[in-house]
């Protein structure tokens, strides 16, 4: 448990909806929020993750950690077809490019709708903690997502600070989280394998070991 770090929600709020992309990215956030006596609910909506088996493994890891910490877990619809439609024509965009903006918008808009419909005043996401993501890009998408709802704000807290990225890695090792090897979408997998090939590394092989929940 991240016992030495405490946070406070804006405007004295005590209830938060956390859009989570995966357990490794949200684990430290969840522990800190609990230690700060914040009533947190995890919202899992990530239709970008492909293939489906990869999606289910990441979701189940996140669900397991939430259940372990007695945190409510909202399992939203997958809707991969909708994601593919919204990102059509952007398949070759680089990481942090226009495709990522549309992807973040879609996921955070869905989270914002749920927050509005279920009485949450504050929304945030684990998307910005990864060093592979553009923190400002994620925050801008989050702030855009809450515009239709006057009673809802997106919390732009920087979870990378005060050793957040290091703690994220430590918790992943402690909890034996499934080790993800690419961002999530099939286009990021293709780009990662291209990079690995150029650097003399073996490509990611999407064959799964059912017992260990790892890529063989």
N, C-alpha and C. Protein backbone atom coordinates (compact mmCIF):
# COMPACT_ATOMS: atom_id res chain seq x y z
N UNK A 1 0.85 -1.20 0.00
CA UNK A 1 0.00 0.00 0.00
C UNK A 1 0.88 1.25 0.00
N UNK A 2 0.51 2.26 -0.83
CA UNK A 2 1.26 3.51 -0.92
C UNK A 2 0.86 4.41 0.25
N UNK A 3 1.45 4.17 1.43
CA UNK A 3 0.97 4.79 2.66
C UNK A 3 1.48 6.21 2.87
N UNK A 4 2.58 6.58 2.26
CA UNK A 4 3.18 7.88 2.54
C UNK A 4 2.70 8.97 1.60
N UNK A 5 1.96 8.61 0.58
CA UNK A 5 1.46 9.59 -0.38
C UNK A 5 -0.04 9.80 -0.15
N UNK A 6 -0.45 11.06 -0.06
CA UNK A 6 -1.86 11.38 0.09
C UNK A 6 -2.24 12.42 -0.95
N UNK A 7 -3.47 12.36 -1.39
CA UNK A 7 -3.99 13.34 -2.35
C UNK A 7 -5.34 13.84 -1.86
N UNK A 8 -5.75 14.99 -2.38
CA UNK A 8 -7.06 15.55 -2.08
C UNK A 8 -7.75 15.89 -3.39
N UNK A 9 -9.02 15.56 -3.50
CA UNK A 9 -9.77 15.89 -4.70
C UNK A 9 -10.12 17.37 -4.73
N UNK A 10 -10.31 17.93 -5.91
CA UNK A 10 -10.72 19.34 -6.02
C UNK A 10 -12.07 19.60 -5.35
N UNK A 11 -12.23 20.81 -4.86
CA UNK A 11 -13.51 21.28 -4.29
C UNK A 11 -13.98 20.45 -3.10
N UNK A 12 -13.04 19.79 -2.43
CA UNK A 12 -13.40 19.03 -1.24
C UNK A 12 -14.18 17.76 -1.52
N UNK A 13 -14.21 17.31 -2.76
CA UNK A 13 -14.94 16.10 -3.12
C UNK A 13 -14.30 14.87 -2.48
N UNK A 14 -15.08 13.84 -2.27
CA UNK A 14 -14.58 12.61 -1.66
C UNK A 14 -14.88 11.38 -2.52
N UNK A 15 -15.50 11.61 -3.67
CA UNK A 15 -15.91 10.51 -4.54
C UNK A 15 -15.33 10.72 -5.94
N UNK A 16 -14.78 9.66 -6.52
CA UNK A 16 -14.06 9.79 -7.81
C UNK A 16 -14.35 8.61 -8.71
N UNK A 17 -14.53 8.89 -10.00
CA UNK A 17 -14.58 7.83 -11.01
C UNK A 17 -13.23 7.80 -11.70
N UNK A 18 -12.57 6.66 -11.63
CA UNK A 18 -11.25 6.47 -12.23
C UNK A 18 -11.37 5.62 -13.48
N UNK A 19 -11.18 6.25 -14.65
CA UNK A 19 -11.09 5.46 -15.87
C UNK A 19 -9.74 4.77 -15.86
N UNK A 20 -9.75 3.44 -15.91
CA UNK A 20 -8.51 2.67 -15.86
C UNK A 20 -8.27 1.96 -17.17
N UNK A 21 -7.03 2.07 -17.67
CA UNK A 21 -6.66 1.38 -18.91
C UNK A 21 -6.13 -0.02 -18.62
N UNK A 22 -5.58 -0.23 -17.42
CA UNK A 22 -5.02 -1.54 -17.06
C UNK A 22 -4.58 -1.49 -15.61
N UNK A 23 -4.33 -2.66 -15.04
CA UNK A 23 -3.89 -2.74 -13.65
C UNK A 23 -2.50 -2.14 -13.42
N UNK A 24 -1.51 -2.40 -14.29
CA UNK A 24 -0.18 -1.81 -14.05
C UNK A 24 -0.20 -0.29 -13.98
N UNK A 25 -1.00 0.36 -14.81
CA UNK A 25 -1.03 1.83 -14.82
C UNK A 25 -1.86 2.40 -13.67
N UNK A 26 -2.88 1.68 -13.24
CA UNK A 26 -3.78 2.24 -12.23
C UNK A 26 -3.51 1.74 -10.81
N UNK A 27 -2.65 0.73 -10.66
CA UNK A 27 -2.43 0.14 -9.35
C UNK A 27 -1.99 1.13 -8.28
N UNK A 28 -0.99 1.93 -8.60
CA UNK A 28 -0.50 2.93 -7.63
C UNK A 28 -1.57 3.97 -7.33
N UNK A 29 -2.31 4.39 -8.36
CA UNK A 29 -3.37 5.36 -8.16
C UNK A 29 -4.43 4.82 -7.21
N UNK A 30 -4.82 3.58 -7.40
CA UNK A 30 -5.85 2.98 -6.58
C UNK A 30 -5.40 2.91 -5.12
N UNK A 31 -4.15 2.54 -4.89
CA UNK A 31 -3.65 2.44 -3.51
C UNK A 31 -3.59 3.82 -2.85
N UNK A 32 -3.14 4.81 -3.58
CA UNK A 32 -3.05 6.17 -3.02
C UNK A 32 -4.45 6.71 -2.72
N UNK A 33 -5.38 6.50 -3.62
CA UNK A 33 -6.74 6.99 -3.41
C UNK A 33 -7.38 6.35 -2.18
N UNK A 34 -7.16 5.07 -2.01
CA UNK A 34 -7.67 4.39 -0.81
C UNK A 34 -7.03 4.94 0.45
N UNK A 35 -5.71 5.14 0.41
CA UNK A 35 -5.00 5.67 1.57
C UNK A 35 -5.44 7.09 1.90
N UNK A 36 -5.98 7.79 0.89
CA UNK A 36 -6.44 9.16 1.08
C UNK A 36 -7.92 9.23 1.45
N UNK A 37 -8.51 8.07 1.73
CA UNK A 37 -9.94 7.99 2.12
C UNK A 37 -10.87 8.55 1.05
N UNK A 38 -10.51 8.30 -0.20
CA UNK A 38 -11.35 8.72 -1.32
C UNK A 38 -12.18 7.54 -1.81
N UNK A 39 -13.46 7.77 -1.99
CA UNK A 39 -14.38 6.74 -2.46
C UNK A 39 -14.21 6.62 -3.97
N UNK A 40 -13.41 5.63 -4.39
CA UNK A 40 -13.07 5.49 -5.81
C UNK A 40 -13.79 4.31 -6.43
N UNK A 41 -14.25 4.52 -7.66
CA UNK A 41 -14.83 3.46 -8.47
C UNK A 41 -14.04 3.37 -9.76
N UNK A 42 -13.68 2.16 -10.17
CA UNK A 42 -12.91 1.96 -11.40
C UNK A 42 -13.87 1.74 -12.57
N UNK A 43 -13.62 2.46 -13.66
CA UNK A 43 -14.44 2.34 -14.87
C UNK A 43 -13.54 1.81 -15.98
N UNK A 44 -13.82 0.60 -16.46
CA UNK A 44 -12.99 -0.03 -17.49
C UNK A 44 -13.70 -0.01 -18.83
N UNK A 45 -13.23 0.86 -19.70
CA UNK A 45 -13.77 0.97 -21.06
C UNK A 45 -12.61 1.23 -22.00
N UNK A 46 -12.15 0.18 -22.69
CA UNK A 46 -10.95 0.28 -23.51
C UNK A 46 -11.11 -0.54 -24.79
N UNK A 47 -11.97 -0.09 -25.71
CA UNK A 47 -12.23 -0.84 -26.93
C UNK A 47 -11.07 -0.83 -27.92
N UNK A 48 -10.01 -0.11 -27.58
CA UNK A 48 -8.82 -0.09 -28.43
C UNK A 48 -8.00 -1.36 -28.30
N UNK A 49 -8.13 -2.08 -27.18
CA UNK A 49 -7.25 -3.21 -26.91
C UNK A 49 -7.59 -4.39 -27.82
N UNK A 50 -6.59 -4.84 -28.54
CA UNK A 50 -6.73 -5.95 -29.49
C UNK A 50 -5.54 -6.89 -29.36
N UNK A 51 -5.72 -8.18 -29.66
CA UNK A 51 -6.98 -8.88 -29.96
C UNK A 51 -7.82 -9.06 -28.70
N UNK A 52 -8.97 -9.73 -28.84
CA UNK A 52 -9.90 -9.85 -27.72
C UNK A 52 -9.29 -10.57 -26.52
N UNK A 53 -8.44 -11.56 -26.78
CA UNK A 53 -7.85 -12.28 -25.65
C UNK A 53 -6.95 -11.36 -24.83
N UNK A 54 -6.24 -10.48 -25.51
CA UNK A 54 -5.41 -9.49 -24.82
C UNK A 54 -6.29 -8.58 -23.98
N UNK A 55 -7.42 -8.17 -24.56
CA UNK A 55 -8.37 -7.32 -23.84
C UNK A 55 -8.86 -8.00 -22.56
N UNK A 56 -9.26 -9.25 -22.67
CA UNK A 56 -9.81 -9.95 -21.51
C UNK A 56 -8.75 -10.16 -20.43
N UNK A 57 -7.52 -10.45 -20.81
CA UNK A 57 -6.46 -10.64 -19.82
C UNK A 57 -6.22 -9.33 -19.06
N UNK A 58 -6.13 -8.22 -19.78
CA UNK A 58 -5.89 -6.93 -19.12
C UNK A 58 -7.07 -6.55 -18.21
N UNK A 59 -8.27 -6.79 -18.70
CA UNK A 59 -9.46 -6.46 -17.89
C UNK A 59 -9.51 -7.30 -16.62
N UNK A 60 -9.26 -8.60 -16.75
CA UNK A 60 -9.33 -9.48 -15.58
C UNK A 60 -8.27 -9.14 -14.55
N UNK A 61 -7.08 -8.74 -14.99
CA UNK A 61 -6.04 -8.30 -14.06
C UNK A 61 -6.50 -7.08 -13.28
N UNK A 62 -7.10 -6.15 -13.99
CA UNK A 62 -7.59 -4.92 -13.36
C UNK A 62 -8.74 -5.23 -12.39
N UNK A 63 -9.64 -6.11 -12.82
CA UNK A 63 -10.76 -6.50 -11.98
C UNK A 63 -10.28 -7.21 -10.71
N UNK A 64 -9.29 -8.08 -10.87
CA UNK A 64 -8.75 -8.80 -9.72
C UNK A 64 -8.17 -7.86 -8.68
N UNK A 65 -7.41 -6.85 -9.13
CA UNK A 65 -6.77 -5.93 -8.18
C UNK A 65 -7.82 -5.05 -7.52
N UNK A 66 -8.85 -4.65 -8.28
CA UNK A 66 -9.93 -3.85 -7.69
C UNK A 66 -10.67 -4.67 -6.63
N UNK A 67 -10.98 -5.91 -6.95
CA UNK A 67 -11.68 -6.77 -6.00
C UNK A 67 -10.83 -7.00 -4.74
N UNK A 68 -9.55 -7.18 -4.94
CA UNK A 68 -8.61 -7.38 -3.83
C UNK A 68 -8.63 -6.20 -2.87
N UNK A 69 -8.85 -5.01 -3.42
CA UNK A 69 -8.87 -3.78 -2.61
C UNK A 69 -10.28 -3.28 -2.31
N UNK A 70 -11.28 -4.13 -2.62
CA UNK A 70 -12.69 -3.81 -2.34
C UNK A 70 -13.13 -2.51 -3.02
N UNK A 71 -12.67 -2.31 -4.26
CA UNK A 71 -13.02 -1.14 -5.06
C UNK A 71 -14.06 -1.55 -6.10
N UNK A 72 -15.19 -0.86 -6.20
CA UNK A 72 -16.19 -1.18 -7.22
C UNK A 72 -15.58 -1.10 -8.62
N UNK A 73 -15.93 -2.06 -9.47
CA UNK A 73 -15.36 -2.15 -10.82
C UNK A 73 -16.49 -2.18 -11.83
N UNK A 74 -16.51 -1.18 -12.71
CA UNK A 74 -17.54 -1.10 -13.75
C UNK A 74 -16.96 -1.62 -15.06
N UNK A 75 -17.53 -2.71 -15.52
CA UNK A 75 -17.07 -3.36 -16.75
C UNK A 75 -17.95 -2.86 -17.90
N UNK A 76 -17.46 -1.90 -18.67
CA UNK A 76 -18.25 -1.31 -19.76
C UNK A 76 -18.16 -2.16 -21.02
N UNK A 77 -18.99 -1.85 -22.00
CA UNK A 77 -19.01 -2.61 -23.24
C UNK A 77 -17.69 -2.49 -23.99
N UNK A 78 -17.39 -3.52 -24.78
CA UNK A 78 -16.13 -3.55 -25.52
C UNK A 78 -16.17 -2.59 -26.73
N UNK A 79 -17.14 -2.75 -27.62
CA UNK A 79 -17.37 -1.84 -28.76
C UNK A 79 -16.14 -1.64 -29.64
N UNK A 80 -15.47 -2.73 -29.98
CA UNK A 80 -14.29 -2.60 -30.84
C UNK A 80 -14.64 -2.08 -32.23
N UNK A 81 -15.79 -2.48 -32.75
CA UNK A 81 -16.19 -2.02 -34.09
C UNK A 81 -16.32 -0.51 -34.14
N UNK A 82 -16.86 0.08 -33.07
CA UNK A 82 -17.00 1.53 -33.01
C UNK A 82 -15.63 2.19 -32.99
N UNK A 83 -14.72 1.62 -32.21
CA UNK A 83 -13.35 2.17 -32.14
C UNK A 83 -12.68 2.13 -33.52
N UNK A 84 -12.83 1.02 -34.22
CA UNK A 84 -12.22 0.88 -35.54
C UNK A 84 -12.80 1.90 -36.52
N UNK A 85 -14.10 2.15 -36.42
CA UNK A 85 -14.73 3.15 -37.29
C UNK A 85 -14.20 4.54 -37.00
N UNK A 86 -14.07 4.88 -35.73
CA UNK A 86 -13.64 6.23 -35.36
C UNK A 86 -12.18 6.49 -35.69
N UNK A 87 -11.38 5.44 -35.76
CA UNK A 87 -9.94 5.63 -36.04
C UNK A 87 -9.60 5.27 -37.49
N UNK A 88 -10.61 5.00 -38.30
CA UNK A 88 -10.36 4.63 -39.69
C UNK A 88 -9.60 5.73 -40.42
N UNK A 89 -8.58 5.33 -41.18
CA UNK A 89 -7.76 6.28 -41.91
C UNK A 89 -6.56 6.78 -41.13
N UNK A 90 -6.48 6.42 -39.85
CA UNK A 90 -5.38 6.87 -38.99
C UNK A 90 -4.50 5.70 -38.55
N UNK A 91 -4.58 4.60 -39.30
CA UNK A 91 -3.87 3.39 -38.91
C UNK A 91 -2.36 3.59 -38.82
N UNK A 92 -1.81 4.48 -39.63
CA UNK A 92 -0.36 4.66 -39.66
C UNK A 92 0.11 5.87 -38.85
N UNK A 93 -0.80 6.47 -38.10
CA UNK A 93 -0.40 7.59 -37.23
C UNK A 93 0.59 7.11 -36.17
N UNK A 94 1.57 7.94 -35.82
CA UNK A 94 2.53 7.53 -34.78
C UNK A 94 1.91 7.60 -33.39
N UNK A 95 2.55 6.94 -32.44
CA UNK A 95 2.15 7.05 -31.04
C UNK A 95 2.13 8.52 -30.64
N UNK A 96 1.11 8.93 -29.90
CA UNK A 96 0.87 10.31 -29.46
C UNK A 96 0.31 11.20 -30.57
N UNK A 97 -0.07 10.59 -31.69
CA UNK A 97 -0.59 11.35 -32.81
C UNK A 97 -2.11 11.48 -32.78
N UNK A 98 -2.70 11.76 -33.97
CA UNK A 98 -4.14 12.02 -34.07
C UNK A 98 -4.97 10.81 -33.69
N UNK A 99 -4.48 9.61 -33.99
CA UNK A 99 -5.25 8.41 -33.63
C UNK A 99 -5.40 8.30 -32.11
N UNK A 100 -4.33 8.61 -31.38
CA UNK A 100 -4.39 8.54 -29.92
C UNK A 100 -5.39 9.56 -29.37
N UNK A 101 -5.45 10.74 -29.98
CA UNK A 101 -6.40 11.74 -29.52
C UNK A 101 -7.83 11.23 -29.67
N UNK A 102 -8.14 10.66 -30.82
CA UNK A 102 -9.49 10.12 -31.04
C UNK A 102 -9.77 8.97 -30.08
N UNK A 103 -8.78 8.14 -29.86
CA UNK A 103 -8.91 7.01 -28.94
C UNK A 103 -9.19 7.48 -27.52
N UNK A 104 -8.40 8.45 -27.05
CA UNK A 104 -8.62 9.00 -25.71
C UNK A 104 -10.00 9.66 -25.60
N UNK A 105 -10.36 10.40 -26.64
CA UNK A 105 -11.67 11.07 -26.63
C UNK A 105 -12.80 10.06 -26.47
N UNK A 106 -12.73 9.00 -27.23
CA UNK A 106 -13.80 8.01 -27.19
C UNK A 106 -13.92 7.37 -25.81
N UNK A 107 -12.80 7.00 -25.24
CA UNK A 107 -12.81 6.31 -23.94
C UNK A 107 -13.24 7.25 -22.81
N UNK A 108 -12.73 8.48 -22.85
CA UNK A 108 -13.05 9.41 -21.77
C UNK A 108 -14.44 10.02 -21.91
N UNK A 109 -14.94 10.15 -23.12
CA UNK A 109 -16.32 10.59 -23.32
C UNK A 109 -17.30 9.58 -22.72
N UNK A 110 -16.99 8.30 -22.91
CA UNK A 110 -17.85 7.25 -22.34
C UNK A 110 -17.77 7.25 -20.82
N UNK A 111 -16.57 7.47 -20.28
CA UNK A 111 -16.41 7.55 -18.83
C UNK A 111 -17.14 8.76 -18.26
N UNK A 112 -17.07 9.88 -18.98
CA UNK A 112 -17.74 11.11 -18.52
C UNK A 112 -19.25 10.92 -18.50
N UNK A 113 -19.80 10.25 -19.49
CA UNK A 113 -21.23 9.99 -19.52
C UNK A 113 -21.65 9.16 -18.31
N UNK A 114 -20.87 8.12 -18.02
CA UNK A 114 -21.19 7.28 -16.86
C UNK A 114 -21.10 8.09 -15.57
N UNK A 115 -20.05 8.90 -15.45
CA UNK A 115 -19.89 9.73 -14.25
C UNK A 115 -21.10 10.64 -14.06
N UNK A 116 -21.52 11.29 -15.13
CA UNK A 116 -22.66 12.20 -15.07
C UNK A 116 -23.94 11.47 -14.67
N UNK A 117 -24.14 10.30 -15.23
CA UNK A 117 -25.37 9.55 -14.98
C UNK A 117 -25.42 8.92 -13.59
N UNK A 118 -24.26 8.80 -12.93
CA UNK A 118 -24.20 8.11 -11.65
C UNK A 118 -23.71 9.00 -10.50
N UNK A 119 -23.80 10.30 -10.68
CA UNK A 119 -23.57 11.22 -9.57
C UNK A 119 -22.13 11.50 -9.19
N UNK A 120 -21.19 11.20 -10.07
CA UNK A 120 -19.80 11.56 -9.80
C UNK A 120 -19.56 13.00 -10.23
N UNK A 121 -18.80 13.74 -9.43
CA UNK A 121 -18.47 15.12 -9.76
C UNK A 121 -17.04 15.25 -10.32
N UNK A 122 -16.21 14.22 -10.06
CA UNK A 122 -14.81 14.25 -10.47
C UNK A 122 -14.48 12.99 -11.25
N UNK A 123 -13.79 13.17 -12.37
CA UNK A 123 -13.33 12.07 -13.23
C UNK A 123 -11.84 12.23 -13.48
N UNK A 124 -11.11 11.12 -13.48
CA UNK A 124 -9.72 11.14 -13.90
C UNK A 124 -9.40 9.83 -14.59
N UNK A 125 -8.18 9.67 -15.09
CA UNK A 125 -7.81 8.47 -15.83
C UNK A 125 -6.36 8.08 -15.55
N UNK A 126 -6.10 6.79 -15.71
CA UNK A 126 -4.73 6.29 -15.57
C UNK A 126 -3.94 6.42 -16.87
N UNK A 127 -4.58 6.89 -17.93
CA UNK A 127 -3.92 6.95 -19.24
C UNK A 127 -2.64 7.79 -19.23
N UNK A 128 -2.60 8.83 -18.41
CA UNK A 128 -1.47 9.76 -18.46
C UNK A 128 -0.26 9.34 -17.68
N UNK A 129 -0.32 8.24 -16.92
CA UNK A 129 0.81 7.89 -16.06
C UNK A 129 1.96 7.25 -16.84
N UNK A 130 1.65 6.61 -17.95
CA UNK A 130 2.69 5.94 -18.73
C UNK A 130 3.60 6.95 -19.42
N UNK A 131 4.89 6.66 -19.40
CA UNK A 131 5.84 7.55 -20.07
C UNK A 131 5.71 7.49 -21.58
N UNK A 132 4.96 6.51 -22.09
CA UNK A 132 4.74 6.40 -23.53
C UNK A 132 3.63 7.32 -24.01
N UNK A 133 2.88 7.89 -23.05
CA UNK A 133 1.77 8.77 -23.42
C UNK A 133 2.14 10.24 -23.21
N UNK A 134 1.44 11.10 -23.94
CA UNK A 134 1.59 12.54 -23.79
C UNK A 134 0.60 12.99 -22.72
N UNK A 135 1.13 13.37 -21.56
CA UNK A 135 0.30 13.72 -20.41
C UNK A 135 -0.66 14.86 -20.74
N UNK A 136 -0.18 15.88 -21.43
CA UNK A 136 -1.02 17.02 -21.80
C UNK A 136 -2.12 16.59 -22.77
N UNK A 137 -1.80 15.71 -23.69
CA UNK A 137 -2.78 15.21 -24.65
C UNK A 137 -3.93 14.49 -23.94
N UNK A 138 -3.58 13.66 -22.96
CA UNK A 138 -4.60 12.94 -22.19
C UNK A 138 -5.48 13.93 -21.42
N UNK A 139 -4.85 14.90 -20.77
CA UNK A 139 -5.62 15.87 -19.99
C UNK A 139 -6.56 16.69 -20.87
N UNK A 140 -6.09 17.09 -22.04
CA UNK A 140 -6.94 17.87 -22.94
C UNK A 140 -8.16 17.05 -23.38
N UNK A 141 -7.95 15.76 -23.62
CA UNK A 141 -9.07 14.89 -24.00
C UNK A 141 -10.04 14.74 -22.84
N UNK A 142 -9.50 14.61 -21.62
CA UNK A 142 -10.35 14.50 -20.45
C UNK A 142 -11.18 15.75 -20.22
N UNK A 143 -10.55 16.91 -20.37
CA UNK A 143 -11.27 18.17 -20.19
C UNK A 143 -12.32 18.37 -21.28
N UNK A 144 -12.01 17.91 -22.48
CA UNK A 144 -12.99 17.99 -23.57
C UNK A 144 -14.19 17.09 -23.29
N UNK A 145 -13.93 15.91 -22.70
CA UNK A 145 -14.98 14.92 -22.46
C UNK A 145 -16.05 15.41 -21.49
N UNK A 146 -15.66 16.26 -20.54
CA UNK A 146 -16.62 16.70 -19.51
C UNK A 146 -17.36 17.99 -19.88
N UNK A 147 -17.05 18.58 -21.02
CA UNK A 147 -17.67 19.85 -21.41
C UNK A 147 -19.21 19.78 -21.40
N UNK A 148 -19.84 18.68 -21.85
CA UNK A 148 -21.31 18.66 -21.86
C UNK A 148 -21.96 18.64 -20.48
N UNK A 149 -21.17 18.43 -19.43
CA UNK A 149 -21.73 18.23 -18.10
C UNK A 149 -21.23 19.31 -17.13
N UNK A 150 -22.10 20.23 -16.82
CA UNK A 150 -21.72 21.35 -15.97
C UNK A 150 -21.35 20.92 -14.55
N UNK A 151 -21.84 19.75 -14.15
CA UNK A 151 -21.60 19.28 -12.77
C UNK A 151 -20.39 18.36 -12.66
N UNK A 152 -19.62 18.24 -13.73
CA UNK A 152 -18.51 17.28 -13.75
C UNK A 152 -17.22 17.96 -14.18
N UNK A 153 -16.11 17.63 -13.50
CA UNK A 153 -14.80 18.14 -13.91
C UNK A 153 -13.81 17.00 -14.07
N UNK A 154 -12.83 17.22 -14.94
CA UNK A 154 -11.76 16.25 -15.13
C UNK A 154 -10.57 16.66 -14.29
N UNK A 155 -10.11 15.77 -13.45
CA UNK A 155 -8.99 16.05 -12.55
C UNK A 155 -7.68 15.77 -13.27
N UNK A 156 -6.85 16.80 -13.43
CA UNK A 156 -5.61 16.70 -14.22
C UNK A 156 -4.38 16.41 -13.35
N UNK A 157 -4.58 15.80 -12.22
CA UNK A 157 -3.47 15.51 -11.30
C UNK A 157 -2.38 14.69 -12.02
N UNK A 158 -1.11 15.08 -11.79
CA UNK A 158 0.01 14.40 -12.44
C UNK A 158 0.46 13.21 -11.58
N UNK A 159 0.03 12.01 -11.94
CA UNK A 159 0.35 10.82 -11.16
C UNK A 159 1.79 10.36 -11.37
N UNK A 160 2.51 10.98 -12.30
CA UNK A 160 3.91 10.60 -12.51
C UNK A 160 4.83 11.20 -11.44
N UNK A 161 4.39 12.30 -10.82
CA UNK A 161 5.27 12.99 -9.90
C UNK A 161 5.43 12.22 -8.60
N UNK A 162 6.40 12.59 -7.81
CA UNK A 162 6.69 11.96 -6.52
C UNK A 162 6.93 10.45 -6.66
N UNK A 163 7.59 10.08 -7.77
CA UNK A 163 7.96 8.68 -7.95
C UNK A 163 6.84 7.77 -8.42
N UNK A 164 5.79 8.34 -9.01
CA UNK A 164 4.64 7.55 -9.43
C UNK A 164 4.98 6.46 -10.42
N UNK A 165 5.82 6.77 -11.41
CA UNK A 165 6.17 5.77 -12.42
C UNK A 165 6.96 4.62 -11.79
N UNK A 166 7.85 4.95 -10.87
CA UNK A 166 8.63 3.90 -10.19
C UNK A 166 7.72 3.02 -9.33
N UNK A 167 6.80 3.64 -8.60
CA UNK A 167 5.89 2.86 -7.76
C UNK A 167 4.99 1.97 -8.62
N UNK A 168 4.60 2.47 -9.78
CA UNK A 168 3.80 1.68 -10.70
C UNK A 168 4.52 0.39 -11.08
N UNK A 169 5.81 0.51 -11.36
CA UNK A 169 6.62 -0.66 -11.71
C UNK A 169 6.76 -1.60 -10.52
N UNK A 170 6.99 -1.04 -9.35
CA UNK A 170 7.16 -1.86 -8.14
C UNK A 170 5.89 -2.64 -7.82
N UNK A 171 4.73 -2.00 -7.94
CA UNK A 171 3.47 -2.68 -7.66
C UNK A 171 3.21 -3.77 -8.69
N UNK A 172 3.55 -3.52 -9.94
CA UNK A 172 3.36 -4.52 -10.98
C UNK A 172 4.16 -5.78 -10.67
N UNK A 173 5.38 -5.59 -10.19
CA UNK A 173 6.22 -6.74 -9.83
C UNK A 173 5.67 -7.44 -8.59
N UNK A 174 5.26 -6.66 -7.61
CA UNK A 174 4.73 -7.22 -6.35
C UNK A 174 3.47 -8.04 -6.60
N UNK A 175 2.61 -7.54 -7.46
CA UNK A 175 1.33 -8.19 -7.72
C UNK A 175 1.39 -9.20 -8.87
N UNK A 176 2.54 -9.31 -9.49
CA UNK A 176 2.73 -10.23 -10.63
C UNK A 176 1.71 -9.95 -11.73
N UNK A 177 1.55 -8.65 -12.02
CA UNK A 177 0.63 -8.29 -13.09
C UNK A 177 1.12 -8.84 -14.42
N UNK A 178 0.18 -9.14 -15.28
CA UNK A 178 0.47 -9.53 -16.66
C UNK A 178 1.33 -8.44 -17.32
N UNK A 179 2.43 -8.85 -17.92
CA UNK A 179 3.37 -7.90 -18.51
C UNK A 179 2.98 -7.55 -19.94
N UNK A 180 2.40 -6.38 -20.11
CA UNK A 180 1.98 -5.91 -21.42
C UNK A 180 3.20 -5.45 -22.22
N UNK A 181 3.19 -5.79 -23.51
CA UNK A 181 4.36 -5.48 -24.33
C UNK A 181 4.09 -4.43 -25.40
N UNK A 182 2.86 -3.93 -25.45
CA UNK A 182 2.53 -2.86 -26.40
C UNK A 182 1.34 -2.09 -25.83
N UNK A 183 1.07 -0.92 -26.40
CA UNK A 183 0.05 -0.03 -25.86
C UNK A 183 -1.31 -0.70 -25.74
N UNK A 184 -1.75 -1.34 -26.81
CA UNK A 184 -3.06 -1.98 -26.75
C UNK A 184 -3.69 -2.22 -28.10
N UNK A 185 -3.67 -1.23 -28.99
CA UNK A 185 -4.33 -1.42 -30.28
C UNK A 185 -3.40 -2.15 -31.25
N UNK A 186 -4.01 -2.72 -32.27
CA UNK A 186 -3.26 -3.52 -33.23
C UNK A 186 -2.25 -2.68 -34.00
N UNK A 187 -2.53 -1.39 -34.12
CA UNK A 187 -1.61 -0.50 -34.83
C UNK A 187 -0.36 -0.24 -33.99
N UNK A 188 -0.53 -0.13 -32.68
CA UNK A 188 0.63 0.05 -31.81
C UNK A 188 1.46 -1.23 -31.76
N UNK A 189 0.80 -2.38 -31.88
CA UNK A 189 1.53 -3.64 -31.93
C UNK A 189 2.39 -3.71 -33.18
N UNK A 190 1.82 -3.30 -34.31
CA UNK A 190 2.56 -3.30 -35.56
C UNK A 190 3.77 -2.36 -35.48
N UNK A 191 3.56 -1.17 -34.90
CA UNK A 191 4.66 -0.21 -34.77
C UNK A 191 5.74 -0.73 -33.82
N UNK A 192 5.32 -1.38 -32.73
CA UNK A 192 6.28 -1.93 -31.78
C UNK A 192 7.11 -3.04 -32.41
N UNK A 193 6.48 -3.91 -33.18
CA UNK A 193 7.21 -4.98 -33.83
C UNK A 193 8.16 -4.45 -34.90
N UNK A 194 7.78 -3.36 -35.56
CA UNK A 194 8.67 -2.72 -36.52
C UNK A 194 9.91 -2.19 -35.82
N UNK A 195 9.69 -1.54 -34.67
CA UNK A 195 10.82 -1.01 -33.87
C UNK A 195 11.71 -2.14 -33.39
N UNK A 196 11.12 -3.25 -32.93
CA UNK A 196 11.89 -4.38 -32.43
C UNK A 196 12.73 -5.00 -33.54
N UNK A 197 12.16 -5.08 -34.74
CA UNK A 197 12.89 -5.65 -35.86
C UNK A 197 14.09 -4.78 -36.22
N UNK A 198 13.89 -3.46 -36.23
CA UNK A 198 14.99 -2.55 -36.56
C UNK A 198 16.11 -2.60 -35.52
N UNK A 199 15.74 -2.97 -34.28
CA UNK A 199 16.72 -3.01 -33.21
C UNK A 199 17.19 -4.42 -32.88
N UNK A 200 16.95 -5.33 -33.80
CA UNK A 200 17.46 -6.69 -33.66
C UNK A 200 16.79 -7.52 -32.59
N UNK A 201 15.53 -7.23 -32.27
CA UNK A 201 14.80 -7.96 -31.25
C UNK A 201 13.68 -8.79 -31.88
N UNK A 202 13.31 -9.86 -31.23
CA UNK A 202 12.25 -10.71 -31.74
C UNK A 202 10.91 -10.00 -31.65
N UNK A 203 10.02 -10.23 -32.61
CA UNK A 203 8.70 -9.60 -32.56
C UNK A 203 7.86 -10.19 -31.43
N UNK A 204 6.85 -9.44 -31.01
CA UNK A 204 5.92 -9.92 -30.00
C UNK A 204 5.07 -11.02 -30.61
N UNK A 205 5.00 -12.14 -29.94
CA UNK A 205 4.26 -13.30 -30.44
C UNK A 205 2.98 -13.43 -29.65
N UNK A 206 1.86 -13.18 -30.27
CA UNK A 206 0.59 -13.19 -29.57
C UNK A 206 0.01 -14.61 -29.45
N UNK A 207 0.76 -15.45 -28.80
CA UNK A 207 0.27 -16.77 -28.40
C UNK A 207 0.25 -16.76 -26.88
N UNK A 208 -0.88 -17.12 -26.31
CA UNK A 208 -1.06 -16.94 -24.88
C UNK A 208 -0.97 -18.25 -24.11
N UNK A 209 -0.32 -18.16 -22.95
CA UNK A 209 -0.30 -19.25 -22.00
C UNK A 209 -1.50 -19.08 -21.08
N UNK A 210 -2.48 -19.96 -21.16
CA UNK A 210 -3.72 -19.81 -20.42
C UNK A 210 -3.51 -19.82 -18.91
N UNK A 211 -2.50 -20.55 -18.44
CA UNK A 211 -2.28 -20.67 -17.00
C UNK A 211 -1.60 -19.44 -16.40
N UNK A 212 -0.62 -18.89 -17.13
CA UNK A 212 0.14 -17.77 -16.57
C UNK A 212 -0.37 -16.41 -17.04
N UNK A 213 -1.32 -16.42 -18.02
CA UNK A 213 -1.81 -15.15 -18.58
C UNK A 213 -0.67 -14.31 -19.14
N UNK A 214 0.25 -14.94 -19.82
CA UNK A 214 1.36 -14.24 -20.43
C UNK A 214 1.47 -14.62 -21.90
N UNK A 215 2.10 -13.72 -22.67
CA UNK A 215 2.39 -14.05 -24.06
C UNK A 215 3.58 -14.99 -24.10
N UNK A 216 3.46 -16.06 -24.83
CA UNK A 216 4.55 -17.04 -24.92
C UNK A 216 5.68 -16.47 -25.78
